[in-house]
Amino acid sequence: MKETKKILLAHGSGGKLSEELTREVFLREFGNEVLSGLTDAAILKFEGGSLAFTTDSYVVNPLFFPGGDIGKLSVCGTVNDLAVMGAKPLFITCGFIIEEGLDYSVLRKIVASMRAAAETAGVTIVAGDTKVVEKGSADGLFINTAGIGRVGKEVDLSLKNISIGDKVLLSGTIGDHGMAVLGKRKSLDFHTEITSDCAPLHDLIASVLKVSRKIKFMRDPTRGGLAATLNEMVRESEWGILVEEAKVPVSEGVKSLAELLGFDSLYIANEGKVVLVVAPEDAERVIEEMRRHALGKDSQVIGEIIAAPKGQVGLKTLVGGTRIVDMPVGEQLPRIC
């Protein structure tokens, strides 16, 4: 029988449909030992060391938003996917799919933003490609990147290292990026402007790796927000995660707008935050180090790894109850990265 399923916007949300697409289509054909781990970057081992290698595509709408633009986002997103694997980001490539009619000045501004972000992150853009498509085919500009970084011999970040009792840490407030993009897209007039957290995390992550050898795992909670990231972590695991709602930092602006629009901040995208799993004896040491950094000043221990229910994320609510935080199914905010 002819297959009739169609690709939906939600297939790019980072939630259940994204996972379904990845497993039913891509892993079925491409599956191998490296890819099947579904990590933010592949760890490629060879004689003498290891490299982290990643790729990503950026289709954010609009191209410019408070705190960033598609160019800055593409560099920071690639750098962060390398950094959360414990790698020192080194080189980036970039491919531009440009819609006919895009103003030259817009492209120049975005490319300059990429250069500035690359300089901040200490990476070099070493290769690229340009394609131009007919008007109406690319919504202005899409960018694809690939990145490579060096992984130190002492670094071993993996879900397999996680044990019951480990603490879950978060580097700061959630939902800033998604709400900033939505506000710009819909021309919402906030009393206080919400700014994207788009930033390269390499320096923050390098600093915490220096103070602790008991960091078990890291991931940046982008599409699908914190909820999707935590659910990806517990997938097929022998443990669960319990998060305390009171400990999850959310700015007043994001909290107010999310409540007004009926959104759950746990599911809103971030582009400058990292989730860490750390052995309990080192959790406070890592938090203290993170808070010394500008990008980690609002860091919190938000939860812990628990024995049961395994494979689930629970949230201890402000009123004292506990609810399940499931993987997002649809897409609250499409085209946010």
C-alpha atoms as a PDB file:
ATOM      1  CA  MET A   1       0.000   0.000   0.000  1.00  0.00           C
ATOM      2  CA  LYS A   2       1.253   3.481  -0.849  1.00  0.00           C
ATOM      3  CA  GLU A   3       2.375   5.457   2.207  1.00  0.00           C
ATOM      4  CA  THR A   4       0.173   8.540   2.753  1.00  0.00           C
ATOM      5  CA  LYS A   5       1.806  10.151   5.812  1.00  0.00           C
ATOM      6  CA  LYS A   6       2.892  13.764   5.367  1.00  0.00           C
ATOM      7  CA  ILE A   7       5.630  15.803   7.001  1.00  0.00           C
ATOM      8  CA  LEU A   8       4.219  18.362   9.462  1.00  0.00           C
ATOM      9  CA  LEU A   9       5.812  21.396  11.102  1.00  0.00           C
ATOM     10  CA  ALA A  10       5.717  19.412  14.346  1.00  0.00           C
ATOM     11  CA  HIS A  11       8.172  16.898  12.864  1.00  0.00           C
ATOM     12  CA  GLY A  12      10.796  19.611  13.361  1.00  0.00           C
ATOM     13  CA  SER A  13       9.789  20.486  16.922  1.00  0.00           C
ATOM     14  CA  GLY A  14      12.198  18.263  18.826  1.00  0.00           C
ATOM     15  CA  GLY A  15       9.273  16.340  20.351  1.00  0.00           C
ATOM     16  CA  LYS A  16       7.555  12.987  19.791  1.00  0.00           C
ATOM     17  CA  LEU A  17       7.041  13.473  16.066  1.00  0.00           C
ATOM     18  CA  SER A  18      10.684  14.478  15.577  1.00  0.00           C
ATOM     19  CA  GLU A  19      11.745  11.334  17.403  1.00  0.00           C
ATOM     20  CA  GLU A  20       9.371   9.258  15.296  1.00  0.00           C
ATOM     21  CA  LEU A  21      10.768  10.749  12.072  1.00  0.00           C
ATOM     22  CA  THR A  22      14.335  10.166  13.184  1.00  0.00           C
ATOM     23  CA  ARG A  23      13.785   6.542  14.133  1.00  0.00           C
ATOM     24  CA  GLU A  24      11.392   5.475  11.373  1.00  0.00           C
ATOM     25  CA  VAL A  25      13.186   7.164   8.477  1.00  0.00           C
ATOM     26  CA  PHE A  26      16.744   8.231   9.208  1.00  0.00           C
ATOM     27  CA  LEU A  27      17.952   5.610  11.677  1.00  0.00           C
ATOM     28  CA  ARG A  28      16.313   2.869   9.620  1.00  0.00           C
ATOM     29  CA  GLU A  29      18.550   3.746   6.679  1.00  0.00           C
ATOM     30  CA  PHE A  30      21.576   5.403   8.284  1.00  0.00           C
ATOM     31  CA  GLY A  31      21.752   3.644  11.658  1.00  0.00           C
ATOM     32  CA  ASN A  32      25.225   2.811  12.939  1.00  0.00           C
ATOM     33  CA  GLU A  33      27.059   2.688  16.253  1.00  0.00           C
ATOM     34  CA  VAL A  34      27.931   6.390  16.217  1.00  0.00           C
ATOM     35  CA  LEU A  35      24.662   7.816  14.901  1.00  0.00           C
ATOM     36  CA  SER A  36      22.347   5.633  16.966  1.00  0.00           C
ATOM     37  CA  GLY A  37      23.400   7.395  20.168  1.00  0.00           C
ATOM     38  CA  LEU A  38      21.467  10.480  18.968  1.00  0.00           C
ATOM     39  CA  THR A  39      23.860  12.811  20.760  1.00  0.00           C
ATOM     40  CA  ASP A  40      24.241  16.531  20.019  1.00  0.00           C
ATOM     41  CA  ALA A  41      27.513  15.749  18.257  1.00  0.00           C
ATOM     42  CA  ALA A  42      29.109  12.516  17.111  1.00  0.00           C
ATOM     43  CA  ILE A  43      32.250  11.465  18.964  1.00  0.00           C
ATOM     44  CA  LEU A  44      34.719  10.100  16.415  1.00  0.00           C
ATOM     45  CA  LYS A  45      37.574   8.150  17.972  1.00  0.00           C
ATOM     46  CA  PHE A  46      40.853   7.518  16.246  1.00  0.00           C
ATOM     47  CA  GLU A  47      44.416   6.696  17.205  1.00  0.00           C
ATOM     48  CA  GLY A  48      45.692   9.581  19.287  1.00  0.00           C
ATOM     49  CA  GLY A  49      42.415  11.158  20.342  1.00  0.00           C
ATOM     50  CA  SER A  50      38.772  11.982  19.654  1.00  0.00           C
ATOM     51  CA  LEU A  51      36.883  14.604  17.691  1.00  0.00           C
ATOM     52  CA  ALA A  52      33.322  15.846  18.062  1.00  0.00           C
ATOM     53  CA  PHE A  53      31.475  16.497  14.804  1.00  0.00           C
ATOM     54  CA  THR A  54      28.025  18.061  14.376  1.00  0.00           C
ATOM     55  CA  THR A  55      25.724  19.642  11.809  1.00  0.00           C
ATOM     56  CA  ASP A  56      22.605  21.780  12.056  1.00  0.00           C
ATOM     57  CA  SER A  57      20.283  23.924   9.934  1.00  0.00           C
ATOM     58  CA  TYR A  58      18.677  27.240  10.887  1.00  0.00           C
ATOM     59  CA  VAL A  59      15.343  28.475   9.543  1.00  0.00           C
ATOM     60  CA  VAL A  60      14.318  30.934  12.268  1.00  0.00           C
ATOM     61  CA  ASN A  61      11.576  33.404  11.434  1.00  0.00           C
ATOM     62  CA  PRO A  62      12.135  36.358  11.641  1.00  0.00           C
ATOM     63  CA  LEU A  63      15.815  36.632  10.669  1.00  0.00           C
ATOM     64  CA  PHE A  64      16.440  39.246  13.389  1.00  0.00           C
ATOM     65  CA  PHE A  65      15.097  39.137  16.950  1.00  0.00           C
ATOM     66  CA  PRO A  66      15.985  40.740  20.316  1.00  0.00           C
ATOM     67  CA  GLY A  67      19.346  39.349  21.363  1.00  0.00           C
ATOM     68  CA  GLY A  68      20.382  37.835  18.040  1.00  0.00           C
ATOM     69  CA  ASP A  69      19.767  36.902  14.444  1.00  0.00           C
ATOM     70  CA  ILE A  70      19.985  33.800  12.267  1.00  0.00           C
ATOM     71  CA  GLY A  71      23.729  34.285  11.789  1.00  0.00           C
ATOM     72  CA  LYS A  72      24.626  34.509  15.478  1.00  0.00           C
ATOM     73  CA  LEU A  73      22.211  31.679  16.188  1.00  0.00           C
ATOM     74  CA  SER A  74      23.841  29.379  13.629  1.00  0.00           C
ATOM     75  CA  VAL A  75      27.311  29.840  15.111  1.00  0.00           C
ATOM     76  CA  CYS A  76      26.241  29.625  18.769  1.00  0.00           C
ATOM     77  CA  GLY A  77      24.048  26.592  18.147  1.00  0.00           C
ATOM     78  CA  THR A  78      26.883  24.719  16.464  1.00  0.00           C
ATOM     79  CA  VAL A  79      29.421  25.701  19.107  1.00  0.00           C
ATOM     80  CA  ASN A  80      27.057  24.595  21.882  1.00  0.00           C
ATOM     81  CA  ASP A  81      26.395  21.194  20.313  1.00  0.00           C
ATOM     82  CA  LEU A  82      30.162  20.586  20.398  1.00  0.00           C
ATOM     83  CA  ALA A  83      30.693  22.065  23.855  1.00  0.00           C
ATOM     84  CA  VAL A  84      28.055  19.917  25.594  1.00  0.00           C
ATOM     85  CA  MET A  85      29.985  16.861  24.410  1.00  0.00           C
ATOM     86  CA  GLY A  86      32.997  18.196  26.289  1.00  0.00           C
ATOM     87  CA  ALA A  87      34.760  19.315  23.112  1.00  0.00           C
ATOM     88  CA  LYS A  88      36.740  22.479  22.462  1.00  0.00           C
ATOM     89  CA  PRO A  89      35.062  23.932  19.324  1.00  0.00           C
ATOM     90  CA  LEU A  90      37.602  24.619  16.562  1.00  0.00           C
ATOM     91  CA  PHE A  91      36.161  24.919  13.058  1.00  0.00           C
ATOM     92  CA  ILE A  92      32.804  25.630  11.410  1.00  0.00           C
ATOM     93  CA  THR A  93      31.485  25.417   7.868  1.00  0.00           C
ATOM     94  CA  CYS A  94      28.424  27.293   6.649  1.00  0.00           C
ATOM     95  CA  GLY A  95      26.034  26.895   3.733  1.00  0.00           C
ATOM     96  CA  PHE A  96      23.644  29.683   2.696  1.00  0.00           C
ATOM     97  CA  ILE A  97      20.342  29.081   0.903  1.00  0.00           C
ATOM     98  CA  ILE A  98      19.314  32.587  -0.142  1.00  0.00           C
ATOM     99  CA  GLU A  99      15.946  33.580  -1.508  1.00  0.00           C
ATOM    100  CA  GLU A 100      16.002  35.700  -4.639  1.00  0.00           C
ATOM    101  CA  GLY A 101      15.297  39.321  -3.713  1.00  0.00           C
ATOM    102  CA  LEU A 102      16.963  39.348  -0.274  1.00  0.00           C
ATOM    103  CA  ASP A 103      18.566  42.732   0.344  1.00  0.00           C
ATOM    104  CA  TYR A 104      22.347  42.734   0.091  1.00  0.00           C
ATOM    105  CA  SER A 105      22.464  44.801   3.286  1.00  0.00           C
ATOM    106  CA  VAL A 106      20.579  42.097   5.196  1.00  0.00           C
ATOM    107  CA  LEU A 107      22.998  39.392   4.086  1.00  0.00           C
ATOM    108  CA  ARG A 108      26.003  41.567   4.956  1.00  0.00           C
ATOM    109  CA  LYS A 109      24.613  42.214   8.441  1.00  0.00           C
ATOM    110  CA  ILE A 110      24.011  38.519   9.079  1.00  0.00           C
ATOM    111  CA  VAL A 111      27.458  37.476   7.818  1.00  0.00           C
ATOM    112  CA  ALA A 112      29.077  40.149  10.013  1.00  0.00           C
ATOM    113  CA  SER A 113      27.105  38.798  12.977  1.00  0.00           C
ATOM    114  CA  MET A 114      28.405  35.298  12.242  1.00  0.00           C
ATOM    115  CA  ARG A 115      31.977  36.593  12.130  1.00  0.00           C
ATOM    116  CA  ALA A 116      31.554  38.324  15.490  1.00  0.00           C
ATOM    117  CA  ALA A 117      30.002  35.222  17.082  1.00  0.00           C
ATOM    118  CA  ALA A 118      32.789  33.016  15.714  1.00  0.00           C
ATOM    119  CA  GLU A 119      35.430  35.359  17.139  1.00  0.00           C
ATOM    120  CA  THR A 120      33.713  35.302  20.538  1.00  0.00           C
ATOM    121  CA  ALA A 121      33.603  31.505  20.490  1.00  0.00           C
ATOM    122  CA  GLY A 122      37.183  31.144  19.271  1.00  0.00           C
ATOM    123  CA  VAL A 123      36.221  29.154  16.172  1.00  0.00           C
ATOM    124  CA  THR A 124      37.229  29.651  12.552  1.00  0.00           C
ATOM    125  CA  ILE A 125      34.803  29.475   9.626  1.00  0.00           C
ATOM    126  CA  VAL A 126      36.818  27.414   7.153  1.00  0.00           C
ATOM    127  CA  ALA A 127      34.455  26.428   4.320  1.00  0.00           C
ATOM    128  CA  GLY A 128      31.071  27.293   2.898  1.00  0.00           C
ATOM    129  CA  ASP A 129      28.610  27.159   0.039  1.00  0.00           C
ATOM    130  CA  THR A 130      25.980  29.463  -1.451  1.00  0.00           C
ATOM    131  CA  LYS A 131      22.788  28.629  -3.315  1.00  0.00           C
ATOM    132  CA  VAL A 132      20.083  31.054  -4.503  1.00  0.00           C
ATOM    133  CA  VAL A 133      16.507  29.841  -4.969  1.00  0.00           C
ATOM    134  CA  GLU A 134      13.462  31.420  -6.566  1.00  0.00           C
ATOM    135  CA  LYS A 135      11.493  34.086  -4.708  1.00  0.00           C
ATOM    136  CA  GLY A 136       9.050  32.461  -2.297  1.00  0.00           C
ATOM    137  CA  SER A 137      11.181  29.313  -1.842  1.00  0.00           C
ATOM    138  CA  ALA A 138      13.314  30.067   1.233  1.00  0.00           C
ATOM    139  CA  ASP A 139      11.661  32.747   3.375  1.00  0.00           C
ATOM    140  CA  GLY A 140      14.655  35.044   3.011  1.00  0.00           C
ATOM    141  CA  LEU A 141      17.565  32.933   4.173  1.00  0.00           C
ATOM    142  CA  PHE A 142      18.335  29.484   5.567  1.00  0.00           C
ATOM    143  CA  ILE A 143      21.759  28.553   6.970  1.00  0.00           C
ATOM    144  CA  ASN A 144      23.326  25.113   7.399  1.00  0.00           C
ATOM    145  CA  THR A 145      26.435  24.622   9.522  1.00  0.00           C
ATOM    146  CA  ALA A 146      28.826  21.864  10.492  1.00  0.00           C
ATOM    147  CA  GLY A 147      31.318  22.030  13.315  1.00  0.00           C
ATOM    148  CA  ILE A 148      34.272  20.090  14.603  1.00  0.00           C
ATOM    149  CA  GLY A 149      36.019  20.174  17.969  1.00  0.00           C
ATOM    150  CA  ARG A 150      38.689  18.359  19.945  1.00  0.00           C
ATOM    151  CA  VAL A 151      37.733  16.154  22.897  1.00  0.00           C
ATOM    152  CA  GLY A 152      40.250  15.778  25.723  1.00  0.00           C
ATOM    153  CA  LYS A 153      41.283  12.278  26.769  1.00  0.00           C
ATOM    154  CA  GLU A 154      39.940  12.883  30.286  1.00  0.00           C
ATOM    155  CA  VAL A 155      36.411  13.727  29.061  1.00  0.00           C
ATOM    156  CA  ASP A 156      33.740  11.018  29.176  1.00  0.00           C
ATOM    157  CA  LEU A 157      30.213  12.428  29.017  1.00  0.00           C
ATOM    158  CA  SER A 158      27.505   9.852  28.430  1.00  0.00           C
ATOM    159  CA  LEU A 159      24.069   8.806  29.640  1.00  0.00           C
ATOM    160  CA  LYS A 160      25.599   5.467  30.624  1.00  0.00           C
ATOM    161  CA  ASN A 161      27.533   7.240  33.384  1.00  0.00           C
ATOM    162  CA  ILE A 162      24.400   8.445  35.196  1.00  0.00           C
ATOM    163  CA  SER A 163      23.515   6.908  38.571  1.00  0.00           C
ATOM    164  CA  ILE A 164      20.525   7.164  40.882  1.00  0.00           C
ATOM    165  CA  GLY A 165      21.053  10.092  43.246  1.00  0.00           C
ATOM    166  CA  ASP A 166      22.926  12.264  40.741  1.00  0.00           C
ATOM    167  CA  LYS A 167      21.815  15.896  40.635  1.00  0.00           C
ATOM    168  CA  VAL A 168      20.343  17.715  37.640  1.00  0.00           C
ATOM    169  CA  LEU A 169      21.657  21.250  37.156  1.00  0.00           C
ATOM    170  CA  LEU A 170      20.490  24.067  34.875  1.00  0.00           C
ATOM    171  CA  SER A 171      22.600  27.084  33.940  1.00  0.00           C
ATOM    172  CA  GLY A 172      19.861  29.731  34.010  1.00  0.00           C
ATOM    173  CA  THR A 173      16.379  30.915  33.101  1.00  0.00           C
ATOM    174  CA  ILE A 174      14.366  29.010  30.518  1.00  0.00           C
ATOM    175  CA  GLY A 175      12.167  30.129  27.637  1.00  0.00           C
ATOM    176  CA  ASP A 176      13.925  33.405  26.800  1.00  0.00           C
ATOM    177  CA  HIS A 177      14.780  32.527  23.195  1.00  0.00           C
ATOM    178  CA  GLY A 178      11.391  31.167  22.209  1.00  0.00           C
ATOM    179  CA  MET A 179       9.519  34.085  23.722  1.00  0.00           C
ATOM    180  CA  ALA A 180      11.885  36.657  22.168  1.00  0.00           C
ATOM    181  CA  VAL A 181      11.364  35.165  18.707  1.00  0.00           C
ATOM    182  CA  LEU A 182       7.604  34.932  19.185  1.00  0.00           C
ATOM    183  CA  GLY A 183       7.425  38.535  20.380  1.00  0.00           C
ATOM    184  CA  LYS A 184       9.282  39.808  17.344  1.00  0.00           C
ATOM    185  CA  ARG A 185       7.331  37.596  14.946  1.00  0.00           C
ATOM    186  CA  LYS A 186       3.960  38.726  16.267  1.00  0.00           C
ATOM    187  CA  SER A 187       5.047  42.332  16.991  1.00  0.00           C
ATOM    188  CA  LEU A 188       3.983  41.940  20.626  1.00  0.00           C
ATOM    189  CA  ASP A 189       4.525  45.029  22.758  1.00  0.00           C
ATOM    190  CA  PHE A 190       6.071  43.967  26.086  1.00  0.00           C
ATOM    191  CA  HIS A 191       6.451  46.327  29.034  1.00  0.00           C
ATOM    192  CA  THR A 192       9.878  44.745  29.447  1.00  0.00           C
ATOM    193  CA  GLU A 193      11.587  43.449  26.303  1.00  0.00           C
ATOM    194  CA  ILE A 194      12.354  39.743  26.379  1.00  0.00           C
ATOM    195  CA  THR A 195      15.784  39.044  24.924  1.00  0.00           C
ATOM    196  CA  SER A 196      16.987  35.760  23.474  1.00  0.00           C
ATOM    197  CA  ASP A 197      19.623  33.921  25.515  1.00  0.00           C
ATOM    198  CA  CYS A 198      21.496  33.041  22.292  1.00  0.00           C
ATOM    199  CA  ALA A 199      25.145  32.696  23.360  1.00  0.00           C
ATOM    200  CA  PRO A 200      28.131  30.352  22.988  1.00  0.00           C
ATOM    201  CA  LEU A 201      28.508  28.096  26.042  1.00  0.00           C
ATOM    202  CA  HIS A 202      32.054  26.845  25.378  1.00  0.00           C
ATOM    203  CA  ASP A 203      33.734  28.978  28.043  1.00  0.00           C
ATOM    204  CA  LEU A 204      31.176  28.222  30.764  1.00  0.00           C
ATOM    205  CA  ILE A 205      31.378  24.502  30.042  1.00  0.00           C
ATOM    206  CA  ALA A 206      35.185  24.474  29.920  1.00  0.00           C
ATOM    207  CA  SER A 207      35.301  26.146  33.337  1.00  0.00           C
ATOM    208  CA  VAL A 208      33.057  23.566  35.041  1.00  0.00           C
ATOM    209  CA  LEU A 209      34.934  20.662  33.452  1.00  0.00           C
ATOM    210  CA  LYS A 210      38.091  22.024  35.094  1.00  0.00           C
ATOM    211  CA  VAL A 211      36.623  21.997  38.603  1.00  0.00           C
ATOM    212  CA  SER A 212      34.914  18.597  38.489  1.00  0.00           C
ATOM    213  CA  ARG A 213      35.605  15.185  36.999  1.00  0.00           C
ATOM    214  CA  LYS A 214      32.196  14.011  38.185  1.00  0.00           C
ATOM    215  CA  ILE A 215      30.066  15.680  35.528  1.00  0.00           C
ATOM    216  CA  LYS A 216      28.262  12.733  33.953  1.00  0.00           C
ATOM    217  CA  PHE A 217      26.330  14.259  31.034  1.00  0.00           C
ATOM    218  CA  MET A 218      25.401  17.572  29.398  1.00  0.00           C
ATOM    219  CA  ARG A 219      22.888  18.748  26.820  1.00  0.00           C
ATOM    220  CA  ASP A 220      21.546  22.137  25.675  1.00  0.00           C
ATOM    221  CA  PRO A 221      17.733  22.355  25.868  1.00  0.00           C
ATOM    222  CA  THR A 222      16.874  23.878  22.476  1.00  0.00           C
ATOM    223  CA  ARG A 223      13.831  22.700  20.450  1.00  0.00           C
ATOM    224  CA  GLY A 224      11.120  21.380  22.746  1.00  0.00           C
ATOM    225  CA  GLY A 225      12.728  23.157  25.690  1.00  0.00           C
ATOM    226  CA  LEU A 226      13.763  21.661  29.010  1.00  0.00           C
ATOM    227  CA  ALA A 227      10.913  19.127  28.872  1.00  0.00           C
ATOM    228  CA  ALA A 228      12.095  17.567  25.614  1.00  0.00           C
ATOM    229  CA  THR A 229      15.718  17.410  26.773  1.00  0.00           C
ATOM    230  CA  LEU A 230      14.869  15.668  30.054  1.00  0.00           C
ATOM    231  CA  ASN A 231      12.622  13.196  28.242  1.00  0.00           C
ATOM    232  CA  GLU A 232      15.383  12.424  25.744  1.00  0.00           C
ATOM    233  CA  MET A 233      17.654  11.681  28.692  1.00  0.00           C
ATOM    234  CA  VAL A 234      15.304   9.190  30.360  1.00  0.00           C
ATOM    235  CA  ARG A 235      14.358   7.451  27.103  1.00  0.00           C
ATOM    236  CA  GLU A 236      15.074   3.719  27.452  1.00  0.00           C
ATOM    237  CA  SER A 237      16.823   4.305  30.787  1.00  0.00           C
ATOM    238  CA  GLU A 238      16.619   2.367  34.037  1.00  0.00           C
ATOM    239  CA  TRP A 239      15.981   5.529  36.048  1.00  0.00           C
ATOM    240  CA  GLY A 240      13.788   8.621  36.041  1.00  0.00           C
ATOM    241  CA  ILE A 241      14.155  12.323  36.796  1.00  0.00           C
ATOM    242  CA  LEU A 242      12.311  14.374  39.421  1.00  0.00           C
ATOM    243  CA  VAL A 243      12.423  18.153  38.974  1.00  0.00           C
ATOM    244  CA  GLU A 244      11.300  20.739  41.527  1.00  0.00           C
ATOM    245  CA  GLU A 245       9.216  23.425  39.840  1.00  0.00           C
ATOM    246  CA  ALA A 246      10.254  25.984  42.468  1.00  0.00           C
ATOM    247  CA  LYS A 247      13.915  25.494  41.523  1.00  0.00           C
ATOM    248  CA  VAL A 248      13.503  26.006  37.757  1.00  0.00           C
ATOM    249  CA  PRO A 249      14.456  29.631  37.005  1.00  0.00           C
ATOM    250  CA  VAL A 250      12.071  31.567  34.740  1.00  0.00           C
ATOM    251  CA  SER A 251      12.217  35.337  34.234  1.00  0.00           C
ATOM    252  CA  GLU A 252       9.124  37.340  35.152  1.00  0.00           C
ATOM    253  CA  GLY A 253       8.713  38.484  31.555  1.00  0.00           C
ATOM    254  CA  VAL A 254       8.742  34.966  30.152  1.00  0.00           C
ATOM    255  CA  LYS A 255       6.521  33.665  32.936  1.00  0.00           C
ATOM    256  CA  SER A 256       3.927  36.389  32.392  1.00  0.00           C
ATOM    257  CA  LEU A 257       3.822  36.058  28.604  1.00  0.00           C
ATOM    258  CA  ALA A 258       3.721  32.262  28.729  1.00  0.00           C
ATOM    259  CA  GLU A 259       0.785  32.356  31.151  1.00  0.00           C
ATOM    260  CA  LEU A 260      -0.992  34.941  28.999  1.00  0.00           C
ATOM    261  CA  LEU A 261      -0.625  32.811  25.855  1.00  0.00           C
ATOM    262  CA  GLY A 262      -1.241  29.470  27.566  1.00  0.00           C
ATOM    263  CA  PHE A 263       2.302  28.147  27.049  1.00  0.00           C
ATOM    264  CA  ASP A 264       4.291  25.973  29.452  1.00  0.00           C
ATOM    265  CA  SER A 265       7.780  27.433  29.967  1.00  0.00           C
ATOM    266  CA  LEU A 266       9.218  23.924  30.241  1.00  0.00           C
ATOM    267  CA  TYR A 267       8.516  23.405  26.532  1.00  0.00           C
ATOM    268  CA  ILE A 268       9.861  26.725  25.213  1.00  0.00           C
ATOM    269  CA  ALA A 269      13.191  26.728  23.343  1.00  0.00           C
ATOM    270  CA  ASN A 270      16.491  28.024  24.713  1.00  0.00           C
ATOM    271  CA  GLU A 271      19.719  28.818  22.864  1.00  0.00           C
ATOM    272  CA  GLY A 272      22.162  29.622  25.661  1.00  0.00           C
ATOM    273  CA  LYS A 273      21.476  27.185  28.476  1.00  0.00           C
ATOM    274  CA  VAL A 274      22.930  23.823  29.449  1.00  0.00           C
ATOM    275  CA  VAL A 275      21.548  20.934  31.520  1.00  0.00           C
ATOM    276  CA  LEU A 276      24.143  18.958  33.480  1.00  0.00           C
ATOM    277  CA  VAL A 277      23.987  15.728  35.470  1.00  0.00           C
ATOM    278  CA  VAL A 278      26.566  15.744  38.272  1.00  0.00           C
ATOM    279  CA  ALA A 279      27.459  13.384  41.108  1.00  0.00           C
ATOM    280  CA  PRO A 280      25.811  14.683  44.317  1.00  0.00           C
ATOM    281  CA  GLU A 281      29.114  15.343  46.081  1.00  0.00           C
ATOM    282  CA  ASP A 282      30.210  17.760  43.331  1.00  0.00           C
ATOM    283  CA  ALA A 283      26.886  19.482  42.578  1.00  0.00           C
ATOM    284  CA  GLU A 284      27.442  22.543  44.770  1.00  0.00           C
ATOM    285  CA  ARG A 285      31.008  22.954  43.553  1.00  0.00           C
ATOM    286  CA  VAL A 286      29.820  22.978  39.950  1.00  0.00           C
ATOM    287  CA  ILE A 287      26.952  25.387  40.739  1.00  0.00           C
ATOM    288  CA  GLU A 288      29.349  27.802  42.450  1.00  0.00           C
ATOM    289  CA  GLU A 289      31.674  27.740  39.441  1.00  0.00           C
ATOM    290  CA  MET A 290      28.784  28.294  37.028  1.00  0.00           C
ATOM    291  CA  ARG A 291      27.507  31.266  39.011  1.00  0.00           C
ATOM    292  CA  ARG A 292      30.896  32.963  38.651  1.00  0.00           C
ATOM    293  CA  HIS A 293      30.345  33.073  34.893  1.00  0.00           C
ATOM    294  CA  ALA A 294      28.076  35.683  33.271  1.00  0.00           C
ATOM    295  CA  LEU A 295      26.154  32.962  31.425  1.00  0.00           C
ATOM    296  CA  GLY A 296      25.618  30.907  34.573  1.00  0.00           C
ATOM    297  CA  LYS A 297      24.732  33.500  37.217  1.00  0.00           C
ATOM    298  CA  ASP A 298      21.210  32.073  37.628  1.00  0.00           C
ATOM    299  CA  SER A 299      22.299  28.430  37.817  1.00  0.00           C
ATOM    300  CA  GLN A 300      20.296  26.067  40.006  1.00  0.00           C
ATOM    301  CA  VAL A 301      20.150  22.448  41.089  1.00  0.00           C
ATOM    302  CA  ILE A 302      16.673  21.692  39.739  1.00  0.00           C
ATOM    303  CA  GLY A 303      16.252  17.982  40.423  1.00  0.00           C
ATOM    304  CA  GLU A 304      17.788  14.548  40.714  1.00  0.00           C
ATOM    305  CA  ILE A 305      17.964  11.107  39.186  1.00  0.00           C
ATOM    306  CA  ILE A 306      15.494   8.732  40.852  1.00  0.00           C
ATOM    307  CA  ALA A 307      14.965   4.971  40.769  1.00  0.00           C
ATOM    308  CA  ALA A 308      11.273   5.041  39.862  1.00  0.00           C
ATOM    309  CA  PRO A 309       9.250   5.549  37.855  1.00  0.00           C
ATOM    310  CA  LYS A 310      11.974   4.737  35.370  1.00  0.00           C
ATOM    311  CA  GLY A 311      11.861   6.294  31.950  1.00  0.00           C
ATOM    312  CA  GLN A 312       9.724   9.221  33.111  1.00  0.00           C
ATOM    313  CA  VAL A 313      10.204  12.864  34.087  1.00  0.00           C
ATOM    314  CA  GLY A 314       8.264  14.039  37.124  1.00  0.00           C
ATOM    315  CA  LEU A 315       7.676  17.596  38.301  1.00  0.00           C
ATOM    316  CA  LYS A 316       7.140  18.398  41.963  1.00  0.00           C
ATOM    317  CA  THR A 317       4.738  21.316  41.597  1.00  0.00           C
ATOM    318  CA  LEU A 318       4.534  24.542  43.573  1.00  0.00           C
ATOM    319  CA  VAL A 319       1.421  23.251  45.376  1.00  0.00           C
ATOM    320  CA  GLY A 320       3.154  20.070  46.507  1.00  0.00           C
ATOM    321  CA  GLY A 321       1.811  17.541  44.033  1.00  0.00           C
ATOM    322  CA  THR A 322       3.712  15.655  41.345  1.00  0.00           C
ATOM    323  CA  ARG A 323       2.854  15.468  37.655  1.00  0.00           C
ATOM    324  CA  ILE A 324       4.418  13.764  34.681  1.00  0.00           C
ATOM    325  CA  VAL A 325       6.271  15.998  32.211  1.00  0.00           C
ATOM    326  CA  ASP A 326       5.842  14.255  28.881  1.00  0.00           C
ATOM    327  CA  MET A 327       7.681  14.688  25.612  1.00  0.00           C
ATOM    328  CA  PRO A 328       6.001  17.451  23.552  1.00  0.00           C
ATOM    329  CA  VAL A 329       3.786  16.111  20.786  1.00  0.00           C
ATOM    330  CA  GLY A 330       3.022  19.161  18.656  1.00  0.00           C
ATOM    331  CA  GLU A 331       4.825  22.428  18.105  1.00  0.00           C
ATOM    332  CA  GLN A 332       4.133  25.393  20.391  1.00  0.00           C
ATOM    333  CA  LEU A 333       6.514  27.641  18.453  1.00  0.00           C
ATOM    334  CA  PRO A 334       7.620  26.557  14.984  1.00  0.00           C
ATOM    335  CA  ARG A 335      10.649  28.060  13.251  1.00  0.00           C
ATOM    336  CA  ILE A 336      12.435  29.270  16.406  1.00  0.00           C
ATOM    337  CA  CYS A 337      15.887  28.003  15.395  1.00  0.00           C
END
